[in-house]
Amino acid sequence: MEQPIIGFHKDEEDDWVAELQCGHNQHVRHNPPWMLRPWVTTEESRKSRLGKKLECKKCDRNEPQDFDPSCRE
């Protein structure tokens, strides 16, 4: 199920994580040549992705939320 990106944060290993409107988190790594997401490398390009949709496999599996999206700052 596709869900819009509402924010980003870094995890404990310094990798970028997209926060989705459904309350799930999803890693969005740029790790060439396997993962090509150069847009995660700058703040401006991450901001340009807000509202864009990502496929949420956690929604597909009916997993509980990682965070409450209504409590975001």
PDB file of N, CA and C in Angstrom:
ATOM      1  N   MET A   1       0.845  -1.167   0.000  1.00  0.00           N
ATOM      2  CA  MET A   1       0.000   0.000   0.000  1.00  0.00           C
ATOM      3  C   MET A   1       0.898   1.241   0.000  1.00  0.00           C
ATOM      4  N   GLU A   2       0.613   2.181  -0.863  1.00  0.00           N
ATOM      5  CA  GLU A   2       1.413   3.401  -0.933  1.00  0.00           C
ATOM      6  C   GLU A   2       0.985   4.391   0.152  1.00  0.00           C
ATOM      7  N   GLN A   3       1.986   5.011   0.781  1.00  0.00           N
ATOM      8  CA  GLN A   3       1.741   5.984   1.845  1.00  0.00           C
ATOM      9  C   GLN A   3       2.631   7.208   1.630  1.00  0.00           C
ATOM     10  N   PRO A   4       2.124   8.420   1.891  1.00  0.00           N
ATOM     11  CA  PRO A   4       2.928   9.642   1.732  1.00  0.00           C
ATOM     12  C   PRO A   4       4.003   9.780   2.808  1.00  0.00           C
ATOM     13  N   ILE A   5       5.117  10.363   2.411  1.00  0.00           N
ATOM     14  CA  ILE A   5       6.194  10.685   3.341  1.00  0.00           C
ATOM     15  C   ILE A   5       5.818  11.977   4.072  1.00  0.00           C
ATOM     16  N   ILE A   6       5.925  11.964   5.407  1.00  0.00           N
ATOM     17  CA  ILE A   6       5.609  13.172   6.185  1.00  0.00           C
ATOM     18  C   ILE A   6       6.831  13.731   6.913  1.00  0.00           C
ATOM     19  N   GLY A   7       7.935  13.010   6.896  1.00  0.00           N
ATOM     20  CA  GLY A   7       9.139  13.499   7.563  1.00  0.00           C
ATOM     21  C   GLY A   7      10.288  12.513   7.416  1.00  0.00           C
ATOM     22  N   PHE A   8      11.428  12.887   7.972  1.00  0.00           N
ATOM     23  CA  PHE A   8      12.621  12.054   7.933  1.00  0.00           C
ATOM     24  C   PHE A   8      13.360  12.163   9.258  1.00  0.00           C
ATOM     25  N   HIS A   9      14.077  11.115   9.598  1.00  0.00           N
ATOM     26  CA  HIS A   9      15.013  11.167  10.714  1.00  0.00           C
ATOM     27  C   HIS A   9      16.127  10.157  10.430  1.00  0.00           C
ATOM     28  N   LYS A  10      17.201  10.255  11.206  1.00  0.00           N
ATOM     29  CA  LYS A  10      18.296   9.289  11.084  1.00  0.00           C
ATOM     30  C   LYS A  10      18.193   8.271  12.210  1.00  0.00           C
ATOM     31  N   ASP A  11      18.540   7.026  11.885  1.00  0.00           N
ATOM     32  CA  ASP A  11      18.528   5.982  12.909  1.00  0.00           C
ATOM     33  C   ASP A  11      19.860   5.951  13.653  1.00  0.00           C
ATOM     34  N   GLU A  12      20.011   5.001  14.546  1.00  0.00           N
ATOM     35  CA  GLU A  12      21.216   4.909  15.371  1.00  0.00           C
ATOM     36  C   GLU A  12      22.470   4.569  14.562  1.00  0.00           C
ATOM     37  N   GLU A  13      22.299   4.092  13.330  1.00  0.00           N
ATOM     38  CA  GLU A  13      23.438   3.784  12.464  1.00  0.00           C
ATOM     39  C   GLU A  13      23.684   4.885  11.434  1.00  0.00           C
ATOM     40  N   ASP A  14      23.021   6.034  11.609  1.00  0.00           N
ATOM     41  CA  ASP A  14      23.178   7.209  10.760  1.00  0.00           C
ATOM     42  C   ASP A  14      22.586   7.032   9.352  1.00  0.00           C
ATOM     43  N   ASP A  15      21.613   6.130   9.216  1.00  0.00           N
ATOM     44  CA  ASP A  15      20.899   5.943   7.947  1.00  0.00           C
ATOM     45  C   ASP A  15      19.596   6.738   7.986  1.00  0.00           C
ATOM     46  N   TRP A  16      19.170   7.248   6.829  1.00  0.00           N
ATOM     47  CA  TRP A  16      17.928   8.009   6.744  1.00  0.00           C
ATOM     48  C   TRP A  16      16.718   7.082   6.771  1.00  0.00           C
ATOM     49  N   VAL A  17      15.694   7.540   7.483  1.00  0.00           N
ATOM     50  CA  VAL A  17      14.446   6.807   7.634  1.00  0.00           C
ATOM     51  C   VAL A  17      13.316   7.756   7.264  1.00  0.00           C
ATOM     52  N   ALA A  18      12.437   7.305   6.368  1.00  0.00           N
ATOM     53  CA  ALA A  18      11.247   8.088   6.019  1.00  0.00           C
ATOM     54  C   ALA A  18      10.139   7.764   7.015  1.00  0.00           C
ATOM     55  N   GLU A  19       9.459   8.817   7.472  1.00  0.00           N
ATOM     56  CA  GLU A  19       8.294   8.663   8.334  1.00  0.00           C
ATOM     57  C   GLU A  19       7.066   8.769   7.430  1.00  0.00           C
ATOM     58  N   LEU A  20       6.235   7.742   7.453  1.00  0.00           N
ATOM     59  CA  LEU A  20       5.084   7.687   6.569  1.00  0.00           C
ATOM     60  C   LEU A  20       3.801   8.074   7.300  1.00  0.00           C
ATOM     61  N   GLN A  21       2.848   8.586   6.559  1.00  0.00           N
ATOM     62  CA  GLN A  21       1.585   9.074   7.130  1.00  0.00           C
ATOM     63  C   GLN A  21       0.839   7.987   7.898  1.00  0.00           C
ATOM     64  N   CYS A  22       1.060   6.739   7.563  1.00  0.00           N
ATOM     65  CA  CYS A  22       0.386   5.622   8.220  1.00  0.00           C
ATOM     66  C   CYS A  22       0.945   5.334   9.610  1.00  0.00           C
ATOM     67  N   GLY A  23       2.110   5.955   9.958  1.00  0.00           N
ATOM     68  CA  GLY A  23       2.725   5.712  11.254  1.00  0.00           C
ATOM     69  C   GLY A  23       3.853   4.703  11.203  1.00  0.00           C
ATOM     70  N   HIS A  24       4.223   4.281  10.008  1.00  0.00           N
ATOM     71  CA  HIS A  24       5.356   3.366   9.847  1.00  0.00           C
ATOM     72  C   HIS A  24       6.594   4.134   9.406  1.00  0.00           C
ATOM     73  N   ASN A  25       7.752   3.570   9.743  1.00  0.00           N
ATOM     74  CA  ASN A  25       9.036   4.094   9.283  1.00  0.00           C
ATOM     75  C   ASN A  25       9.568   3.181   8.181  1.00  0.00           C
ATOM     76  N   GLN A  26      10.346   3.759   7.274  1.00  0.00           N
ATOM     77  CA  GLN A  26      10.966   2.964   6.209  1.00  0.00           C
ATOM     78  C   GLN A  26      12.339   3.544   5.892  1.00  0.00           C
ATOM     79  N   HIS A  27      13.365   2.697   5.924  1.00  0.00           N
ATOM     80  CA  HIS A  27      14.706   3.151   5.556  1.00  0.00           C
ATOM     81  C   HIS A  27      14.733   3.578   4.090  1.00  0.00           C
ATOM     82  N   VAL A  28      15.450   4.657   3.829  1.00  0.00           N
ATOM     83  CA  VAL A  28      15.625   5.173   2.467  1.00  0.00           C
ATOM     84  C   VAL A  28      17.114   5.455   2.265  1.00  0.00           C
ATOM     85  N   ARG A  29      17.849   4.385   2.097  1.00  0.00           N
ATOM     86  CA  ARG A  29      19.310   4.482   1.996  1.00  0.00           C
ATOM     87  C   ARG A  29      19.754   4.777   0.568  1.00  0.00           C
ATOM     88  N   HIS A  30      20.852   5.519   0.482  1.00  0.00           N
ATOM     89  CA  HIS A  30      21.555   5.692  -0.792  1.00  0.00           C
ATOM     90  C   HIS A  30      22.862   4.924  -0.633  1.00  0.00           C
ATOM     91  N   ASN A  31      22.928   3.742  -1.242  1.00  0.00           N
ATOM     92  CA  ASN A  31      24.065   2.847  -1.080  1.00  0.00           C
ATOM     93  C   ASN A  31      24.421   2.240  -2.433  1.00  0.00           C
ATOM     94  N   PRO A  32      25.012   3.070  -3.332  1.00  0.00           N
ATOM     95  CA  PRO A  32      25.330   2.563  -4.668  1.00  0.00           C
ATOM     96  C   PRO A  32      26.304   1.392  -4.602  1.00  0.00           C
ATOM     97  N   PRO A  33      26.231   0.466  -5.496  1.00  0.00           N
ATOM     98  CA  PRO A  33      25.326   0.385  -6.648  1.00  0.00           C
ATOM     99  C   PRO A  33      24.013  -0.326  -6.344  1.00  0.00           C
ATOM    100  N   TRP A  34      23.796  -0.759  -5.086  1.00  0.00           N
ATOM    101  CA  TRP A  34      22.598  -1.556  -4.778  1.00  0.00           C
ATOM    102  C   TRP A  34      21.359  -0.709  -4.584  1.00  0.00           C
ATOM    103  N   MET A  35      21.462   0.375  -3.855  1.00  0.00           N
ATOM    104  CA  MET A  35      20.320   1.261  -3.608  1.00  0.00           C
ATOM    105  C   MET A  35      20.666   2.643  -4.129  1.00  0.00           C
ATOM    106  N   LEU A  36      19.914   3.112  -5.093  1.00  0.00           N
ATOM    107  CA  LEU A  36      20.186   4.424  -5.693  1.00  0.00           C
ATOM    108  C   LEU A  36      19.100   5.421  -5.300  1.00  0.00           C
ATOM    109  N   ARG A  37      19.374   6.159  -4.250  1.00  0.00           N
ATOM    110  CA  ARG A  37      18.463   7.204  -3.788  1.00  0.00           C
ATOM    111  C   ARG A  37      19.281   8.451  -3.446  1.00  0.00           C
ATOM    112  N   PRO A  38      19.875   9.073  -4.447  1.00  0.00           N
ATOM    113  CA  PRO A  38      20.710  10.242  -4.156  1.00  0.00           C
ATOM    114  C   PRO A  38      19.928  11.385  -3.510  1.00  0.00           C
ATOM    115  N   TRP A  39      18.609  11.379  -3.639  1.00  0.00           N
ATOM    116  CA  TRP A  39      17.796  12.446  -3.071  1.00  0.00           C
ATOM    117  C   TRP A  39      17.824  12.465  -1.541  1.00  0.00           C
ATOM    118  N   VAL A  40      18.281  11.399  -0.884  1.00  0.00           N
ATOM    119  CA  VAL A  40      18.337  11.428   0.581  1.00  0.00           C
ATOM    120  C   VAL A  40      19.564  12.164   1.102  1.00  0.00           C
ATOM    121  N   THR A  41      20.489  12.520   0.231  1.00  0.00           N
ATOM    122  CA  THR A  41      21.774  13.069   0.677  1.00  0.00           C
ATOM    123  C   THR A  41      21.738  14.548   1.042  1.00  0.00           C
ATOM    124  N   THR A  42      20.708  15.282   0.613  1.00  0.00           N
ATOM    125  CA  THR A  42      20.635  16.703   0.973  1.00  0.00           C
ATOM    126  C   THR A  42      19.269  17.028   1.584  1.00  0.00           C
ATOM    127  N   GLU A  43      19.276  18.009   2.462  1.00  0.00           N
ATOM    128  CA  GLU A  43      18.029  18.427   3.105  1.00  0.00           C
ATOM    129  C   GLU A  43      17.020  18.934   2.079  1.00  0.00           C
ATOM    130  N   GLU A  44      17.494  19.710   1.132  1.00  0.00           N
ATOM    131  CA  GLU A  44      16.598  20.261   0.104  1.00  0.00           C
ATOM    132  C   GLU A  44      15.911  19.147  -0.696  1.00  0.00           C
ATOM    133  N   SER A  45      16.665  18.134  -1.084  1.00  0.00           N
ATOM    134  CA  SER A  45      16.065  17.064  -1.892  1.00  0.00           C
ATOM    135  C   SER A  45      15.145  16.178  -1.044  1.00  0.00           C
ATOM    136  N   ARG A  46      15.467  16.003   0.249  1.00  0.00           N
ATOM    137  CA  ARG A  46      14.537  15.261   1.119  1.00  0.00           C
ATOM    138  C   ARG A  46      13.229  16.030   1.255  1.00  0.00           C
ATOM    139  N   LYS A  47      13.321  17.344   1.468  1.00  0.00           N
ATOM    140  CA  LYS A  47      12.103  18.168   1.574  1.00  0.00           C
ATOM    141  C   LYS A  47      11.256  18.077   0.314  1.00  0.00           C
ATOM    142  N   SER A  48      11.917  17.964  -0.853  1.00  0.00           N
ATOM    143  CA  SER A  48      11.173  17.863  -2.113  1.00  0.00           C
ATOM    144  C   SER A  48      10.380  16.561  -2.212  1.00  0.00           C
ATOM    145  N   ARG A  49      10.728  15.590  -1.385  1.00  0.00           N
ATOM    146  CA  ARG A  49      10.037  14.291  -1.395  1.00  0.00           C
ATOM    147  C   ARG A  49       8.876  14.216  -0.413  1.00  0.00           C
ATOM    148  N   LEU A  50       8.719  15.227   0.437  1.00  0.00           N
ATOM    149  CA  LEU A  50       7.583  15.216   1.366  1.00  0.00           C
ATOM    150  C   LEU A  50       6.285  15.165   0.566  1.00  0.00           C
ATOM    151  N   GLY A  51       5.400  14.287   0.963  1.00  0.00           N
ATOM    152  CA  GLY A  51       4.132  14.101   0.244  1.00  0.00           C
ATOM    153  C   GLY A  51       4.194  13.045  -0.847  1.00  0.00           C
ATOM    154  N   LYS A  52       5.403  12.697  -1.295  1.00  0.00           N
ATOM    155  CA  LYS A  52       5.544  11.627  -2.289  1.00  0.00           C
ATOM    156  C   LYS A  52       5.248  10.302  -1.604  1.00  0.00           C
ATOM    157  N   LYS A  53       4.810   9.333  -2.361  1.00  0.00           N
ATOM    158  CA  LYS A  53       4.398   8.057  -1.775  1.00  0.00           C
ATOM    159  C   LYS A  53       5.469   6.976  -1.934  1.00  0.00           C
ATOM    160  N   LEU A  54       5.557   6.157  -0.896  1.00  0.00           N
ATOM    161  CA  LEU A  54       6.404   4.970  -0.905  1.00  0.00           C
ATOM    162  C   LEU A  54       5.526   3.761  -0.648  1.00  0.00           C
ATOM    163  N   GLU A  55       5.907   2.638  -1.172  1.00  0.00           N
ATOM    164  CA  GLU A  55       5.205   1.387  -0.913  1.00  0.00           C
ATOM    165  C   GLU A  55       5.495   0.976   0.531  1.00  0.00           C
ATOM    166  N   CYS A  56       4.460   0.786   1.338  1.00  0.00           N
ATOM    167  CA  CYS A  56       4.619   0.407   2.739  1.00  0.00           C
ATOM    168  C   CYS A  56       4.259  -1.065   2.916  1.00  0.00           C
ATOM    169  N   LYS A  57       5.286  -1.886   3.033  1.00  0.00           N
ATOM    170  CA  LYS A  57       5.075  -3.325   3.225  1.00  0.00           C
ATOM    171  C   LYS A  57       4.532  -3.626   4.618  1.00  0.00           C
ATOM    172  N   LYS A  58       4.815  -2.742   5.584  1.00  0.00           N
ATOM    173  CA  LYS A  58       4.274  -2.942   6.926  1.00  0.00           C
ATOM    174  C   LYS A  58       2.752  -2.802   6.926  1.00  0.00           C
ATOM    175  N   CYS A  59       2.228  -1.873   6.121  1.00  0.00           N
ATOM    176  CA  CYS A  59       0.767  -1.762   5.979  1.00  0.00           C
ATOM    177  C   CYS A  59       0.204  -3.026   5.329  1.00  0.00           C
ATOM    178  N   ASP A  60       0.901  -3.497   4.309  1.00  0.00           N
ATOM    179  CA  ASP A  60       0.448  -4.712   3.622  1.00  0.00           C
ATOM    180  C   ASP A  60       0.364  -5.898   4.579  1.00  0.00           C
ATOM    181  N   ARG A  61       1.269  -5.917   5.578  1.00  0.00           N
ATOM    182  CA  ARG A  61       1.300  -7.023   6.553  1.00  0.00           C
ATOM    183  C   ARG A  61       0.473  -6.699   7.803  1.00  0.00           C
ATOM    184  N   ASN A  62      -0.193  -5.533   7.801  1.00  0.00           N
ATOM    185  CA  ASN A  62      -1.031  -5.096   8.920  1.00  0.00           C
ATOM    186  C   ASN A  62      -0.252  -5.021  10.234  1.00  0.00           C
ATOM    187  N   GLU A  63       0.981  -4.502  10.167  1.00  0.00           N
ATOM    188  CA  GLU A  63       1.823  -4.371  11.353  1.00  0.00           C
ATOM    189  C   GLU A  63       1.440  -3.131  12.148  1.00  0.00           C
ATOM    190  N   PRO A  64       1.702  -3.129  13.462  1.00  0.00           N
ATOM    191  CA  PRO A  64       1.401  -1.942  14.278  1.00  0.00           C
ATOM    192  C   PRO A  64       2.282  -0.763  13.875  1.00  0.00           C
ATOM    193  N   GLN A  65       1.814   0.427  14.197  1.00  0.00           N
ATOM    194  CA  GLN A  65       2.549   1.651  13.867  1.00  0.00           C
ATOM    195  C   GLN A  65       3.880   1.710  14.618  1.00  0.00           C
ATOM    196  N   ASP A  66       4.863   2.348  13.988  1.00  0.00           N
ATOM    197  CA  ASP A  66       6.156   2.617  14.621  1.00  0.00           C
ATOM    198  C   ASP A  66       6.085   3.893  15.465  1.00  0.00           C
ATOM    199  N   PHE A  67       5.178   4.800  15.110  1.00  0.00           N
ATOM    200  CA  PHE A  67       5.004   6.069  15.821  1.00  0.00           C
ATOM    201  C   PHE A  67       3.575   6.548  15.558  1.00  0.00           C
ATOM    202  N   ASP A  68       3.132   7.496  16.380  1.00  0.00           N
ATOM    203  CA  ASP A  68       1.801   8.085  16.192  1.00  0.00           C
ATOM    204  C   ASP A  68       1.957   9.351  15.357  1.00  0.00           C
ATOM    205  N   PRO A  69       1.520   9.337  14.090  1.00  0.00           N
ATOM    206  CA  PRO A  69       1.713  10.502  13.226  1.00  0.00           C
ATOM    207  C   PRO A  69       1.005  11.766  13.738  1.00  0.00           C
ATOM    208  N   SER A  70       0.008  11.632  14.578  1.00  0.00           N
ATOM    209  CA  SER A  70      -0.691  12.813  15.090  1.00  0.00           C
ATOM    210  C   SER A  70       0.129  13.523  16.170  1.00  0.00           C
ATOM    211  N   CYS A  71       1.187  12.893  16.653  1.00  0.00           N
ATOM    212  CA  CYS A  71       2.030  13.489  17.702  1.00  0.00           C
ATOM    213  C   CYS A  71       3.308  14.098  17.156  1.00  0.00           C
ATOM    214  N   ARG A  72       3.446  14.189  15.848  1.00  0.00           N
ATOM    215  CA  ARG A  72       4.661  14.784  15.261  1.00  0.00           C
ATOM    216  C   ARG A  72       4.713  16.257  15.586  1.00  0.00           C
ATOM    217  N   GLU A  73       5.920  16.760  15.770  1.00  0.00           N
ATOM    218  CA  GLU A  73       6.120  18.183  16.072  1.00  0.00           C
ATOM    219  C   GLU A  73       5.810  19.038  14.871  1.00  0.00           C
TER     220      GLU A  73
END
